[in-house]
C-alpha atoms as a PDB file:
ATOM      1  CA  MET A   1       0.316   0.017   0.146  1.00  0.00           C
ATOM      2  CA  GLU A   2       1.129   3.511  -0.856  1.00  0.00           C
ATOM      3  CA  THR A   3      -0.404   6.882   1.147  1.00  0.00           C
ATOM      4  CA  PHE A   4      -0.454  10.123  -0.454  1.00  0.00           C
ATOM      5  CA  GLN A   5      -2.081  13.222   1.296  1.00  0.00           C
ATOM      6  CA  VAL A   6      -3.529  16.519   0.301  1.00  0.00           C
ATOM      7  CA  LYS A   7      -3.144  19.342   2.801  1.00  0.00           C
ATOM      8  CA  GLY A   8      -5.206  22.059   1.901  1.00  0.00           C
ATOM      9  CA  GLU A   9      -7.546  25.023   3.016  1.00  0.00           C
ATOM     10  CA  TYR A  10     -10.480  22.607   2.699  1.00  0.00           C
ATOM     11  CA  GLY A  11      -8.961  19.753   4.831  1.00  0.00           C
ATOM     12  CA  LEU A  12      -6.497  17.240   4.695  1.00  0.00           C
ATOM     13  CA  SER A  13      -7.050  14.098   2.517  1.00  0.00           C
ATOM     14  CA  SER A  14      -5.130  10.723   3.107  1.00  0.00           C
ATOM     15  CA  ILE A  15      -5.313   8.867   0.083  1.00  0.00           C
ATOM     16  CA  TYR A  16      -4.536   5.158   0.540  1.00  0.00           C
ATOM     17  CA  VAL A  17      -3.218   2.762  -2.781  1.00  0.00           C
ATOM     18  CA  GLY A  18      -3.992  -0.747  -2.493  1.00  0.00           C
ATOM     19  CA  GLU A  19      -6.027  -0.578   0.501  1.00  0.00           C
ATOM     20  CA  SER A  20      -9.271  -2.870   0.589  1.00  0.00           C
ATOM     21  CA  LEU A  21     -12.957  -2.323   1.044  1.00  0.00           C
ATOM     22  CA  LYS A  22     -13.261  -4.688   3.641  1.00  0.00           C
ATOM     23  CA  ASN A  23     -10.780  -2.613   6.188  1.00  0.00           C
ATOM     24  CA  LEU A  24     -12.711   0.166   5.834  1.00  0.00           C
ATOM     25  CA  GLU A  25     -14.095   0.452   9.273  1.00  0.00           C
ATOM     26  CA  LYS A  26     -10.716   0.970  10.805  1.00  0.00           C
ATOM     27  CA  TYR A  27     -10.906   4.595   8.885  1.00  0.00           C
ATOM     28  CA  LEU A  28     -14.213   5.539   9.987  1.00  0.00           C
ATOM     29  CA  PRO A  29     -14.881   7.658  13.216  1.00  0.00           C
ATOM     30  CA  SER A  30     -17.029   6.118  16.113  1.00  0.00           C
ATOM     31  CA  THR A  31     -19.804   8.725  15.410  1.00  0.00           C
ATOM     32  CA  GLN A  32     -22.947   7.956  13.070  1.00  0.00           C
ATOM     33  CA  VAL A  33     -21.774   6.656   9.617  1.00  0.00           C
ATOM     34  CA  VAL A  34     -24.124   6.797   6.485  1.00  0.00           C
ATOM     35  CA  ILE A  35     -22.937   5.024   3.131  1.00  0.00           C
ATOM     36  CA  VAL A  36     -23.961   6.179  -0.268  1.00  0.00           C
ATOM     37  CA  THR A  37     -23.346   3.687  -3.550  1.00  0.00           C
ATOM     38  CA  ASP A  38     -25.003   2.634  -6.605  1.00  0.00           C
ATOM     39  CA  LYS A  39     -27.042  -0.372  -7.314  1.00  0.00           C
ATOM     40  CA  ASN A  40     -24.335  -2.020  -9.214  1.00  0.00           C
ATOM     41  CA  VAL A  41     -21.504  -1.517  -6.499  1.00  0.00           C
ATOM     42  CA  LYS A  42     -24.050  -2.605  -3.726  1.00  0.00           C
ATOM     43  CA  LYS A  43     -24.906  -6.057  -5.667  1.00  0.00           C
ATOM     44  CA  TYR A  44     -20.885  -6.767  -5.963  1.00  0.00           C
ATOM     45  CA  TYR A  45     -19.569  -5.894  -2.911  1.00  0.00           C
ATOM     46  CA  LYS A  46     -22.508  -5.190   0.093  1.00  0.00           C
ATOM     47  CA  THR A  47     -20.873  -8.386   2.252  1.00  0.00           C
ATOM     48  CA  ASP A  48     -17.837  -6.179   2.648  1.00  0.00           C
ATOM     49  CA  PHE A  49     -19.688  -2.816   3.761  1.00  0.00           C
ATOM     50  CA  PRO A  50     -19.965  -1.727   7.612  1.00  0.00           C
ATOM     51  CA  ASP A  51     -23.079  -2.815   9.084  1.00  0.00           C
ATOM     52  CA  VAL A  52     -24.349   1.151   8.932  1.00  0.00           C
ATOM     53  CA  PRO A  53     -27.576   2.362   6.914  1.00  0.00           C
ATOM     54  CA  VAL A  54     -27.008   2.446   3.192  1.00  0.00           C
ATOM     55  CA  ILE A  55     -28.379   4.979   0.719  1.00  0.00           C
ATOM     56  CA  THR A  56     -28.497   3.561  -2.896  1.00  0.00           C
ATOM     57  CA  ILE A  57     -28.719   5.705  -5.927  1.00  0.00           C
ATOM     58  CA  ASP A  58     -28.865   4.450  -9.695  1.00  0.00           C
ATOM     59  CA  THR A  59     -25.822   4.491 -12.072  1.00  0.00           C
ATOM     60  CA  GLY A  60     -24.969   6.657 -15.150  1.00  0.00           C
ATOM     61  CA  GLU A  61     -24.270  10.356 -15.725  1.00  0.00           C
ATOM     62  CA  GLY A  62     -27.827  11.272 -15.520  1.00  0.00           C
ATOM     63  CA  ILE A  63     -28.264  10.744 -12.072  1.00  0.00           C
ATOM     64  CA  LYS A  64     -25.331  13.394 -11.453  1.00  0.00           C
ATOM     65  CA  THR A  65     -28.042  15.944 -10.663  1.00  0.00           C
ATOM     66  CA  LEU A  66     -29.323  18.525  -7.903  1.00  0.00           C
ATOM     67  CA  ALA A  67     -32.346  16.352  -7.822  1.00  0.00           C
ATOM     68  CA  SER A  68     -30.016  13.337  -6.532  1.00  0.00           C
ATOM     69  CA  VAL A  69     -28.227  15.435  -4.083  1.00  0.00           C
ATOM     70  CA  GLU A  70     -31.767  16.616  -2.777  1.00  0.00           C
ATOM     71  CA  ALA A  71     -32.821  12.820  -2.249  1.00  0.00           C
ATOM     72  CA  ILE A  72     -29.880  12.130  -0.332  1.00  0.00           C
ATOM     73  CA  LEU A  73     -30.222  14.836   1.755  1.00  0.00           C
ATOM     74  CA  LYS A  74     -33.660  13.909   2.658  1.00  0.00           C
ATOM     75  CA  LYS A  75     -32.404  10.470   3.477  1.00  0.00           C
ATOM     76  CA  LEU A  76     -29.736  11.828   5.995  1.00  0.00           C
ATOM     77  CA  ILE A  77     -32.530  13.931   7.853  1.00  0.00           C
ATOM     78  CA  HIS A  78     -34.427  10.502   8.034  1.00  0.00           C
ATOM     79  CA  TYR A  79     -31.520   8.924   9.716  1.00  0.00           C
ATOM     80  CA  SER A  80     -31.416  11.634  12.099  1.00  0.00           C
ATOM     81  CA  CYS A  81     -28.122  12.535  10.926  1.00  0.00           C
ATOM     82  CA  ASP A  82     -26.354  15.542  12.556  1.00  0.00           C
ATOM     83  CA  ARG A  83     -23.060  17.979  12.396  1.00  0.00           C
ATOM     84  CA  THR A  84     -20.925  14.983  13.835  1.00  0.00           C
ATOM     85  CA  SER A  85     -22.179  12.146  11.244  1.00  0.00           C
ATOM     86  CA  PHE A  86     -19.791  10.876   8.615  1.00  0.00           C
ATOM     87  CA  ILE A  87     -20.727  10.200   5.191  1.00  0.00           C
ATOM     88  CA  VAL A  88     -18.681   7.696   2.986  1.00  0.00           C
ATOM     89  CA  GLY A  89     -19.180   7.548  -0.818  1.00  0.00           C
ATOM     90  CA  ILE A  90     -18.511   3.832  -2.010  1.00  0.00           C
ATOM     91  CA  GLY A  91     -18.563   4.017  -5.960  1.00  0.00           C
ATOM     92  CA  GLY A  92     -16.978   5.413  -8.864  1.00  0.00           C
ATOM     93  CA  GLY A  93     -16.673   9.318  -9.793  1.00  0.00           C
ATOM     94  CA  ILE A  94     -20.546   9.962  -9.757  1.00  0.00           C
ATOM     95  CA  VAL A  95     -21.129   8.192  -6.650  1.00  0.00           C
ATOM     96  CA  CYS A  96     -17.797  10.268  -5.228  1.00  0.00           C
ATOM     97  CA  ASP A  97     -19.060  13.546  -6.778  1.00  0.00           C
ATOM     98  CA  ILE A  98     -22.435  13.705  -5.442  1.00  0.00           C
ATOM     99  CA  THR A  99     -21.638  12.046  -1.992  1.00  0.00           C
ATOM    100  CA  GLY A 100     -18.937  15.036  -1.539  1.00  0.00           C
ATOM    101  CA  PHE A 101     -21.103  17.312  -2.650  1.00  0.00           C
ATOM    102  CA  ALA A 102     -24.143  16.456  -0.320  1.00  0.00           C
ATOM    103  CA  ALA A 103     -21.973  16.081   2.925  1.00  0.00           C
ATOM    104  CA  SER A 104     -20.710  19.488   1.968  1.00  0.00           C
ATOM    105  CA  VAL A 105     -23.883  21.212   2.055  1.00  0.00           C
ATOM    106  CA  PHE A 106     -25.349  18.871   4.515  1.00  0.00           C
ATOM    107  CA  LEU A 107     -25.753  21.095   7.704  1.00  0.00           C
ATOM    108  CA  ARG A 108     -23.301  23.362   6.331  1.00  0.00           C
ATOM    109  CA  GLY A 109     -20.782  20.598   6.387  1.00  0.00           C
ATOM    110  CA  VAL A 110     -20.033  17.136   7.651  1.00  0.00           C
ATOM    111  CA  ASP A 111     -17.261  14.987   7.048  1.00  0.00           C
ATOM    112  CA  PHE A 112     -16.794  12.528   4.320  1.00  0.00           C
ATOM    113  CA  GLY A 113     -14.753   9.865   2.860  1.00  0.00           C
ATOM    114  CA  PHE A 114     -14.457   7.720  -0.224  1.00  0.00           C
ATOM    115  CA  VAL A 115     -13.685   3.994  -1.365  1.00  0.00           C
ATOM    116  CA  SER A 116     -12.898   4.468  -5.039  1.00  0.00           C
ATOM    117  CA  THR A 117     -14.133   1.496  -7.111  1.00  0.00           C
ATOM    118  CA  SER A 118     -13.489   2.634 -10.678  1.00  0.00           C
ATOM    119  CA  LEU A 119     -10.093   2.889 -12.202  1.00  0.00           C
ATOM    120  CA  LEU A 120     -11.671   6.546 -13.330  1.00  0.00           C
ATOM    121  CA  SER A 121     -12.402   7.657  -9.980  1.00  0.00           C
ATOM    122  CA  GLN A 122      -9.255   6.249  -8.450  1.00  0.00           C
ATOM    123  CA  VAL A 123      -6.903   8.264 -10.594  1.00  0.00           C
ATOM    124  CA  ASP A 124      -9.154  11.427 -10.856  1.00  0.00           C
ATOM    125  CA  ALA A 125     -12.558  12.159  -9.448  1.00  0.00           C
ATOM    126  CA  SER A 126     -12.165  10.870  -5.776  1.00  0.00           C
ATOM    127  CA  VAL A 127      -8.749  12.722  -5.977  1.00  0.00           C
ATOM    128  CA  GLY A 128      -8.392  16.453  -5.421  1.00  0.00           C
ATOM    129  CA  GLY A 129     -11.364  17.598  -3.547  1.00  0.00           C
ATOM    130  CA  LYS A 130     -13.749  18.335  -6.293  1.00  0.00           C
ATOM    131  CA  ASN A 131     -17.463  17.787  -5.576  1.00  0.00           C
ATOM    132  CA  GLY A 132     -19.958  18.366  -7.914  1.00  0.00           C
ATOM    133  CA  VAL A 133     -23.071  17.772 -10.080  1.00  0.00           C
ATOM    134  CA  ASN A 134     -24.315  18.500 -13.850  1.00  0.00           C
ATOM    135  CA  LEU A 135     -26.826  21.324 -14.883  1.00  0.00           C
ATOM    136  CA  ASP A 136     -28.784  20.814 -17.851  1.00  0.00           C
ATOM    137  CA  SER A 137     -26.171  18.133 -19.098  1.00  0.00           C
ATOM    138  CA  TYR A 138     -23.147  21.188 -18.772  1.00  0.00           C
ATOM    139  CA  LYS A 139     -20.380  19.059 -16.846  1.00  0.00           C
ATOM    140  CA  ASN A 140     -19.853  19.977 -13.165  1.00  0.00           C
ATOM    141  CA  MET A 141     -21.593  23.365 -13.051  1.00  0.00           C
ATOM    142  CA  VAL A 142     -22.573  23.484  -9.507  1.00  0.00           C
ATOM    143  CA  GLY A 143     -20.578  22.370  -6.825  1.00  0.00           C
ATOM    144  CA  VAL A 144     -17.397  23.048  -4.265  1.00  0.00           C
ATOM    145  CA  PHE A 145     -14.133  22.496  -3.187  1.00  0.00           C
ATOM    146  CA  ASN A 146     -13.939  20.417  -0.077  1.00  0.00           C
ATOM    147  CA  GLN A 147     -11.514  17.220   0.685  1.00  0.00           C
ATOM    148  CA  PRO A 148     -12.404  14.131   2.142  1.00  0.00           C
ATOM    149  CA  GLY A 149     -11.066  12.945   4.907  1.00  0.00           C
ATOM    150  CA  PHE A 150      -9.490   9.718   3.320  1.00  0.00           C
ATOM    151  CA  VAL A 151      -9.906   7.913  -0.014  1.00  0.00           C
ATOM    152  CA  ILE A 152      -9.251   4.100  -0.409  1.00  0.00           C
ATOM    153  CA  CYS A 153      -8.181   3.133  -3.965  1.00  0.00           C
ATOM    154  CA  ASP A 154      -9.036  -0.674  -4.147  1.00  0.00           C
ATOM    155  CA  ILE A 155      -7.235  -2.317  -7.040  1.00  0.00           C
ATOM    156  CA  ASP A 156      -9.061  -5.693  -6.330  1.00  0.00           C
ATOM    157  CA  LEU A 157     -12.280  -3.595  -6.783  1.00  0.00           C
ATOM    158  CA  LEU A 158     -11.540  -2.997 -10.619  1.00  0.00           C
ATOM    159  CA  ASN A 159     -12.025  -6.853 -11.613  1.00  0.00           C
ATOM    160  CA  THR A 160     -15.745  -6.478 -11.892  1.00  0.00           C
ATOM    161  CA  LEU A 161     -15.366  -3.429 -14.345  1.00  0.00           C
ATOM    162  CA  PRO A 162     -16.381  -3.602 -17.854  1.00  0.00           C
ATOM    163  CA  GLU A 163     -13.739  -3.300 -20.201  1.00  0.00           C
ATOM    164  CA  LYS A 164     -15.087   0.045 -21.398  1.00  0.00           C
ATOM    165  CA  GLU A 165     -14.567   1.713 -17.935  1.00  0.00           C
ATOM    166  CA  ILE A 166     -10.958   0.100 -17.936  1.00  0.00           C
ATOM    167  CA  SER A 167     -10.388   2.250 -20.737  1.00  0.00           C
ATOM    168  CA  ASN A 168     -11.829   5.290 -19.636  1.00  0.00           C
ATOM    169  CA  GLY A 169      -9.672   5.025 -16.607  1.00  0.00           C
ATOM    170  CA  LEU A 170      -6.599   4.773 -18.590  1.00  0.00           C
ATOM    171  CA  ALA A 171      -7.532   8.007 -20.847  1.00  0.00           C
ATOM    172  CA  GLU A 172      -6.949   9.701 -17.683  1.00  0.00           C
ATOM    173  CA  ILE A 173      -3.978   8.383 -16.501  1.00  0.00           C
ATOM    174  CA  VAL A 174      -2.158   8.826 -20.410  1.00  0.00           C
ATOM    175  CA  LYS A 175      -3.307  12.915 -19.312  1.00  0.00           C
ATOM    176  CA  HIS A 176      -1.129  12.563 -16.465  1.00  0.00           C
ATOM    177  CA  ALA A 177       1.829  11.345 -18.324  1.00  0.00           C
ATOM    178  CA  LEU A 178       1.376  13.607 -21.227  1.00  0.00           C
ATOM    179  CA  ILE A 179       1.204  16.816 -18.924  1.00  0.00           C
ATOM    180  CA  PHE A 180       3.922  15.665 -16.220  1.00  0.00           C
ATOM    181  CA  ASP A 181       5.756  12.667 -16.808  1.00  0.00           C
ATOM    182  CA  ALA A 182       7.684  11.394 -19.865  1.00  0.00           C
ATOM    183  CA  SER A 183       8.746   8.347 -18.554  1.00  0.00           C
ATOM    184  CA  MET A 184       5.494   7.226 -17.331  1.00  0.00           C
ATOM    185  CA  PHE A 185       3.839   7.912 -20.608  1.00  0.00           C
ATOM    186  CA  GLY A 186       6.886   5.342 -21.973  1.00  0.00           C
ATOM    187  CA  PHE A 187       5.801   2.861 -18.994  1.00  0.00           C
ATOM    188  CA  ILE A 188       2.492   2.721 -20.391  1.00  0.00           C
ATOM    189  CA  GLU A 189       3.375   2.036 -24.221  1.00  0.00           C
ATOM    190  CA  LYS A 190       5.527  -0.903 -23.166  1.00  0.00           C
ATOM    191  CA  ASN A 191       2.901  -2.118 -20.752  1.00  0.00           C
ATOM    192  CA  LYS A 192      -0.400  -1.007 -22.379  1.00  0.00           C
ATOM    193  CA  GLN A 193      -1.833  -4.851 -23.001  1.00  0.00           C
ATOM    194  CA  LYS A 194      -0.992  -5.449 -19.025  1.00  0.00           C
ATOM    195  CA  ALA A 195      -2.643  -2.519 -18.174  1.00  0.00           C
ATOM    196  CA  LEU A 196      -5.676  -3.484 -20.322  1.00  0.00           C
ATOM    197  CA  ASP A 197      -5.666  -7.169 -18.725  1.00  0.00           C
ATOM    198  CA  LEU A 198      -5.750  -5.453 -15.345  1.00  0.00           C
ATOM    199  CA  ASP A 199      -2.223  -7.003 -14.317  1.00  0.00           C
ATOM    200  CA  TYR A 200      -1.898  -5.967 -10.823  1.00  0.00           C
ATOM    201  CA  ASP A 201       1.339  -4.681 -10.332  1.00  0.00           C
ATOM    202  CA  THR A 202       1.056  -2.926 -13.497  1.00  0.00           C
ATOM    203  CA  ILE A 203      -2.575  -0.821 -12.424  1.00  0.00           C
ATOM    204  CA  PHE A 204      -0.727  -0.540  -8.956  1.00  0.00           C
ATOM    205  CA  ARG A 205       1.804   1.469 -10.268  1.00  0.00           C
ATOM    206  CA  LEU A 206       0.073   3.442 -12.963  1.00  0.00           C
ATOM    207  CA  VAL A 207      -2.956   4.791 -10.002  1.00  0.00           C
ATOM    208  CA  ALA A 208       0.106   5.093  -7.781  1.00  0.00           C
ATOM    209  CA  GLU A 209       1.790   7.574 -10.413  1.00  0.00           C
ATOM    210  CA  SER A 210      -1.407   9.347 -11.044  1.00  0.00           C
ATOM    211  CA  VAL A 211      -2.314   9.946  -7.667  1.00  0.00           C
ATOM    212  CA  LYS A 212       1.131  11.422  -6.699  1.00  0.00           C
ATOM    213  CA  ILE A 213       0.936  13.716  -9.571  1.00  0.00           C
ATOM    214  CA  LYS A 214      -2.584  15.032  -8.856  1.00  0.00           C
ATOM    215  CA  SER A 215      -1.662  15.003  -5.167  1.00  0.00           C
ATOM    216  CA  GLN A 216       1.066  17.341  -5.500  1.00  0.00           C
ATOM    217  CA  VAL A 217      -0.648  19.628  -8.125  1.00  0.00           C
ATOM    218  CA  VAL A 218      -3.715  19.901  -5.927  1.00  0.00           C
ATOM    219  CA  GLN A 219      -1.425  20.703  -2.940  1.00  0.00           C
ATOM    220  CA  GLN A 220      -0.025  23.620  -4.656  1.00  0.00           C
ATOM    221  CA  ASP A 221      -2.911  24.877  -6.204  1.00  0.00           C
ATOM    222  CA  GLU A 222      -6.324  23.654  -4.447  1.00  0.00           C
ATOM    223  CA  LYS A 223      -8.680  25.787  -6.250  1.00  0.00           C
ATOM    224  CA  GLU A 224      -7.178  25.687  -9.731  1.00  0.00           C
ATOM    225  CA  SER A 225      -5.835  29.089 -10.392  1.00  0.00           C
ATOM    226  CA  GLY A 226      -2.480  28.301 -11.904  1.00  0.00           C
ATOM    227  CA  GLU A 227      -0.764  24.761 -11.759  1.00  0.00           C
ATOM    228  CA  ARG A 228      -3.921  22.692 -11.351  1.00  0.00           C
ATOM    229  CA  ARG A 229      -5.427  23.939 -14.691  1.00  0.00           C
ATOM    230  CA  LYS A 230      -3.186  21.538 -16.375  1.00  0.00           C
ATOM    231  CA  LEU A 231      -4.881  18.644 -15.192  1.00  0.00           C
ATOM    232  CA  ASN A 232      -7.894  20.269 -17.735  1.00  0.00           C
ATOM    233  CA  PHE A 233      -5.677  18.835 -20.940  1.00  0.00           C
ATOM    234  CA  GLY A 234      -8.233  17.674 -23.268  1.00  0.00           C
ATOM    235  CA  HIS A 235     -11.083  18.472 -21.172  1.00  0.00           C
ATOM    236  CA  THR A 236     -12.245  21.645 -22.824  1.00  0.00           C
ATOM    237  CA  ILE A 237     -13.207  19.821 -26.165  1.00  0.00           C
ATOM    238  CA  GLY A 238     -13.624  16.596 -24.222  1.00  0.00           C
ATOM    239  CA  HIS A 239     -16.618  17.892 -21.987  1.00  0.00           C
ATOM    240  CA  ALA A 240     -17.942  19.345 -25.169  1.00  0.00           C
ATOM    241  CA  ILE A 241     -18.081  15.776 -26.854  1.00  0.00           C
ATOM    242  CA  GLU A 242     -19.372  14.332 -23.434  1.00  0.00           C
ATOM    243  CA  LYS A 243     -22.210  16.560 -23.661  1.00  0.00           C
ATOM    244  CA  ILE A 244     -23.251  15.840 -27.596  1.00  0.00           C
ATOM    245  CA  GLU A 245     -22.606  11.875 -27.391  1.00  0.00           C
ATOM    246  CA  LYS A 246     -22.473  10.707 -23.703  1.00  0.00           C
ATOM    247  CA  ALA A 247     -19.630   8.895 -24.690  1.00  0.00           C
ATOM    248  CA  GLY A 248     -18.126   8.479 -20.849  1.00  0.00           C
ATOM    249  CA  HIS A 249     -15.749  10.872 -19.811  1.00  0.00           C
ATOM    250  CA  GLY A 250     -12.540   8.634 -20.457  1.00  0.00           C
ATOM    251  CA  ARG A 251     -13.411   8.623 -24.187  1.00  0.00           C
ATOM    252  CA  ALA A 252     -14.388  11.957 -24.522  1.00  0.00           C
ATOM    253  CA  VAL A 253     -11.322  13.085 -23.241  1.00  0.00           C
ATOM    254  CA  SER A 254      -9.236  10.837 -25.242  1.00  0.00           C
ATOM    255  CA  MET A 255     -10.846  12.532 -27.948  1.00  0.00           C
ATOM    256  CA  GLY A 256     -10.142  15.894 -26.467  1.00  0.00           C
ATOM    257  CA  MET A 257      -6.444  15.004 -25.744  1.00  0.00           C
ATOM    258  CA  ALA A 258      -6.212  13.941 -29.580  1.00  0.00           C
ATOM    259  CA  ALA A 259      -7.748  17.423 -30.600  1.00  0.00           C
ATOM    260  CA  ALA A 260      -5.200  19.064 -28.381  1.00  0.00           C
ATOM    261  CA  ALA A 261      -2.421  17.492 -29.469  1.00  0.00           C
ATOM    262  CA  ARG A 262      -3.415  18.868 -32.970  1.00  0.00           C
ATOM    263  CA  PHE A 263      -3.751  22.175 -31.546  1.00  0.00           C
ATOM    264  CA  SER A 264      -0.755  22.025 -29.778  1.00  0.00           C
ATOM    265  CA  GLN A 265       0.895  21.317 -33.110  1.00  0.00           C
ATOM    266  CA  ALA A 266      -0.506  23.878 -35.269  1.00  0.00           C
ATOM    267  CA  LYS A 267       0.470  26.282 -32.715  1.00  0.00           C
ATOM    268  CA  GLY A 268       4.327  24.915 -33.020  1.00  0.00           C
ATOM    269  CA  ARG A 269       4.552  23.700 -29.755  1.00  0.00           C
ATOM    270  CA  ILE A 270       5.133  19.908 -30.758  1.00  0.00           C
ATOM    271  CA  ASN A 271       5.672  18.029 -33.827  1.00  0.00           C
ATOM    272  CA  LYS A 272       3.471  15.666 -36.139  1.00  0.00           C
ATOM    273  CA  GLN A 273       5.332  12.697 -34.624  1.00  0.00           C
ATOM    274  CA  ASP A 274       4.792  13.573 -31.023  1.00  0.00           C
ATOM    275  CA  VAL A 275       1.110  13.750 -32.151  1.00  0.00           C
ATOM    276  CA  LEU A 276       0.863  10.307 -33.845  1.00  0.00           C
ATOM    277  CA  ARG A 277       2.433   8.588 -30.925  1.00  0.00           C
ATOM    278  CA  ILE A 278      -0.325  10.142 -28.595  1.00  0.00           C
ATOM    279  CA  SER A 279      -3.232   8.935 -30.865  1.00  0.00           C
ATOM    280  CA  SER A 280      -1.622   5.416 -31.676  1.00  0.00           C
ATOM    281  CA  LEU A 281      -1.229   4.909 -27.646  1.00  0.00           C
ATOM    282  CA  LEU A 282      -4.854   6.086 -27.214  1.00  0.00           C
ATOM    283  CA  ALA A 283      -5.985   4.012 -30.225  1.00  0.00           C
ATOM    284  CA  ASP A 284      -4.196   0.963 -28.644  1.00  0.00           C
ATOM    285  CA  LEU A 285      -5.775   1.497 -25.038  1.00  0.00           C
ATOM    286  CA  ASN A 286      -9.214   1.035 -26.970  1.00  0.00           C
ATOM    287  CA  LEU A 287      -9.973   4.735 -26.774  1.00  0.00           C
ATOM    288  CA  PRO A 288     -11.380   7.017 -29.601  1.00  0.00           C
ATOM    289  CA  THR A 289      -9.253   9.794 -31.324  1.00  0.00           C
ATOM    290  CA  SER A 290     -11.920  10.486 -34.151  1.00  0.00           C
ATOM    291  CA  LEU A 291     -13.193  14.153 -34.433  1.00  0.00           C
ATOM    292  CA  ASP A 292     -16.511  13.211 -36.624  1.00  0.00           C
ATOM    293  CA  TYR A 293     -18.582  16.114 -35.072  1.00  0.00           C
ATOM    294  CA  ARG A 294     -20.018  18.867 -36.274  1.00  0.00           C
ATOM    295  CA  ALA A 295     -17.988  22.170 -35.308  1.00  0.00           C
ATOM    296  CA  GLU A 296     -20.958  24.379 -34.466  1.00  0.00           C
ATOM    297  CA  GLU A 297     -22.096  21.747 -31.882  1.00  0.00           C
ATOM    298  CA  ILE A 298     -18.538  21.459 -30.393  1.00  0.00           C
ATOM    299  CA  ILE A 299     -18.273  25.349 -30.393  1.00  0.00           C
ATOM    300  CA  SER A 300     -21.805  25.604 -28.538  1.00  0.00           C
ATOM    301  CA  ALA A 301     -20.790  23.327 -25.614  1.00  0.00           C
ATOM    302  CA  VAL A 302     -17.192  24.926 -25.506  1.00  0.00           C
ATOM    303  CA  GLU A 303     -18.719  28.326 -24.977  1.00  0.00           C
ATOM    304  CA  LYS A 304     -20.454  27.290 -21.515  1.00  0.00           C
ATOM    305  CA  ASP A 305     -16.595  25.846 -20.264  1.00  0.00           C
ATOM    306  CA  LYS A 306     -15.940  26.968 -16.753  1.00  0.00           C
ATOM    307  CA  LYS A 307     -12.477  27.894 -17.578  1.00  0.00           C
ATOM    308  CA  LYS A 308     -13.671  30.820 -19.478  1.00  0.00           C
ATOM    309  CA  GLN A 309     -12.936  34.485 -18.529  1.00  0.00           C
ATOM    310  CA  GLY A 310     -15.051  37.002 -20.604  1.00  0.00           C
ATOM    311  CA  SER A 311     -14.177  36.280 -24.355  1.00  0.00           C
ATOM    312  CA  ASP A 312     -11.149  33.908 -23.738  1.00  0.00           C
ATOM    313  CA  LEU A 313     -10.230  30.792 -21.738  1.00  0.00           C
ATOM    314  CA  PHE A 314      -7.409  29.029 -20.548  1.00  0.00           C
ATOM    315  CA  TYR A 315      -6.498  26.088 -22.855  1.00  0.00           C
ATOM    316  CA  ILE A 316      -3.661  23.725 -21.963  1.00  0.00           C
ATOM    317  CA  PHE A 317      -1.392  22.875 -24.753  1.00  0.00           C
ATOM    318  CA  LEU A 318       1.628  20.353 -25.109  1.00  0.00           C
ATOM    319  CA  ASP A 319       5.226  21.582 -25.294  1.00  0.00           C
ATOM    320  CA  GLN A 320       6.520  18.165 -25.305  1.00  0.00           C
ATOM    321  CA  ILE A 321       5.238  14.438 -24.113  1.00  0.00           C
ATOM    322  CA  GLY A 322       5.653  15.191 -20.390  1.00  0.00           C
ATOM    323  CA  LYS A 323       5.437  19.177 -20.093  1.00  0.00           C
ATOM    324  CA  ALA A 324       2.466  20.958 -20.519  1.00  0.00           C
ATOM    325  CA  GLY A 325       1.520  24.862 -20.859  1.00  0.00           C
ATOM    326  CA  ILE A 326      -1.255  27.282 -19.996  1.00  0.00           C
ATOM    327  CA  GLU A 327      -2.202  29.891 -22.438  1.00  0.00           C
ATOM    328  CA  LYS A 328      -4.968  32.225 -22.412  1.00  0.00           C
ATOM    329  CA  ILE A 329      -6.444  32.251 -25.845  1.00  0.00           C
ATOM    330  CA  SER A 330      -9.571  33.836 -27.560  1.00  0.00           C
ATOM    331  CA  PHE A 331     -12.925  31.919 -28.609  1.00  0.00           C
ATOM    332  CA  ASN A 332     -12.495  33.066 -31.944  1.00  0.00           C
ATOM    333  CA  GLU A 333      -8.988  31.217 -31.799  1.00  0.00           C
ATOM    334  CA  ILE A 334     -10.602  28.017 -30.409  1.00  0.00           C
ATOM    335  CA  ASN A 335     -13.486  28.441 -32.563  1.00  0.00           C
ATOM    336  CA  LYS A 336     -11.187  28.697 -35.993  1.00  0.00           C
ATOM    337  CA  PHE A 337      -9.195  25.130 -34.654  1.00  0.00           C
ATOM    338  CA  ILE A 338     -12.705  23.799 -34.098  1.00  0.00           C
ATOM    339  CA  ASN A 339     -13.653  24.475 -37.684  1.00  0.00           C
ATOM    340  CA  SER A 340     -10.695  23.381 -39.111  1.00  0.00           C
ATOM    341  CA  VAL A 341     -10.401  19.871 -37.444  1.00  0.00           C
ATOM    342  CA  PHE A 342     -14.108  18.808 -36.880  1.00  0.00           C
ATOM    343  CA  ASN A 343     -15.553  17.375 -39.948  1.00  0.00           C
ATOM    344  CA  GLY A 344     -19.159  16.026 -39.755  1.00  0.00           C
ATOM    345  CA  PRO A 345     -21.800  14.126 -37.830  1.00  0.00           C
ATOM    346  CA  ALA A 346     -19.951  11.238 -35.225  1.00  0.00           C
ATOM    347  CA  PRO A 347     -20.934   7.860 -36.713  1.00  0.00           C
ATOM    348  CA  VAL A 348     -23.981   6.193 -35.105  1.00  0.00           C
END
């Protein structure tokens, strides 16, 4: 097991990579505990839960809404929870986002923790203190910064994930390598099949390296005013694609990274060989890189990007594999790029 910490304005968070759900109880306080999970996780792992009340939600991006948060808050009232209560989200990124947000607004905030059950959540959603929900299909428009007390990343829980969800998680791992660690990118290239096969040692290393990168960045910039913006590489266009197609976060970000690599090449920051190397690895990890969407749809969604400032937005470019840069660009510039690379409707 490896342990990482994020100490910020919004609390101290300890992330345990390689810990087991079966050991959850030793991390819980002696006060009242309530679990929030989804129906799939409950089906597979309920026998490993502590004997405490369980709130069960549905699955899918469609339930990441204020209505779901309201339902959870009403359940917490039903269970007579108070300011000493502790909420545990056991699930993937959607469960963690909703649980963290609900805990942060219940009685103006109660403590919470996560057991992360998906690869995407272990390397991204559960780490860093972002909690929130979507609004009218726009990603994470409502939320708070608040650190979970702990995050347990149980590698064994990944064995019940569909293959598509493994690839979704690998997209965020590739992102971390692209923006911060060229040697990690090379490791993924050499061990891509082991990663897809969920070889324990390979996945443990990739999760641990991703958590290490993200925890260090969040420690420096908890509220995303500088260095943390780099973690949005591929997300501006990725979120736009996700709104249009509901492709799954990792798959949408994969296409967003492919676009961002081409944009970086167009700006003279990286060469064509790097772009091909990136696209090749994503494809080998069963991730899409095509940009077959209508430009006007992408542009419309990008205009709702949370990183915008007036008529500009912060965009993350690659200067080389393993090094990213932040640049404020105009919507006119990104719209021109989108029009140049997006060439039609997505295939059915």
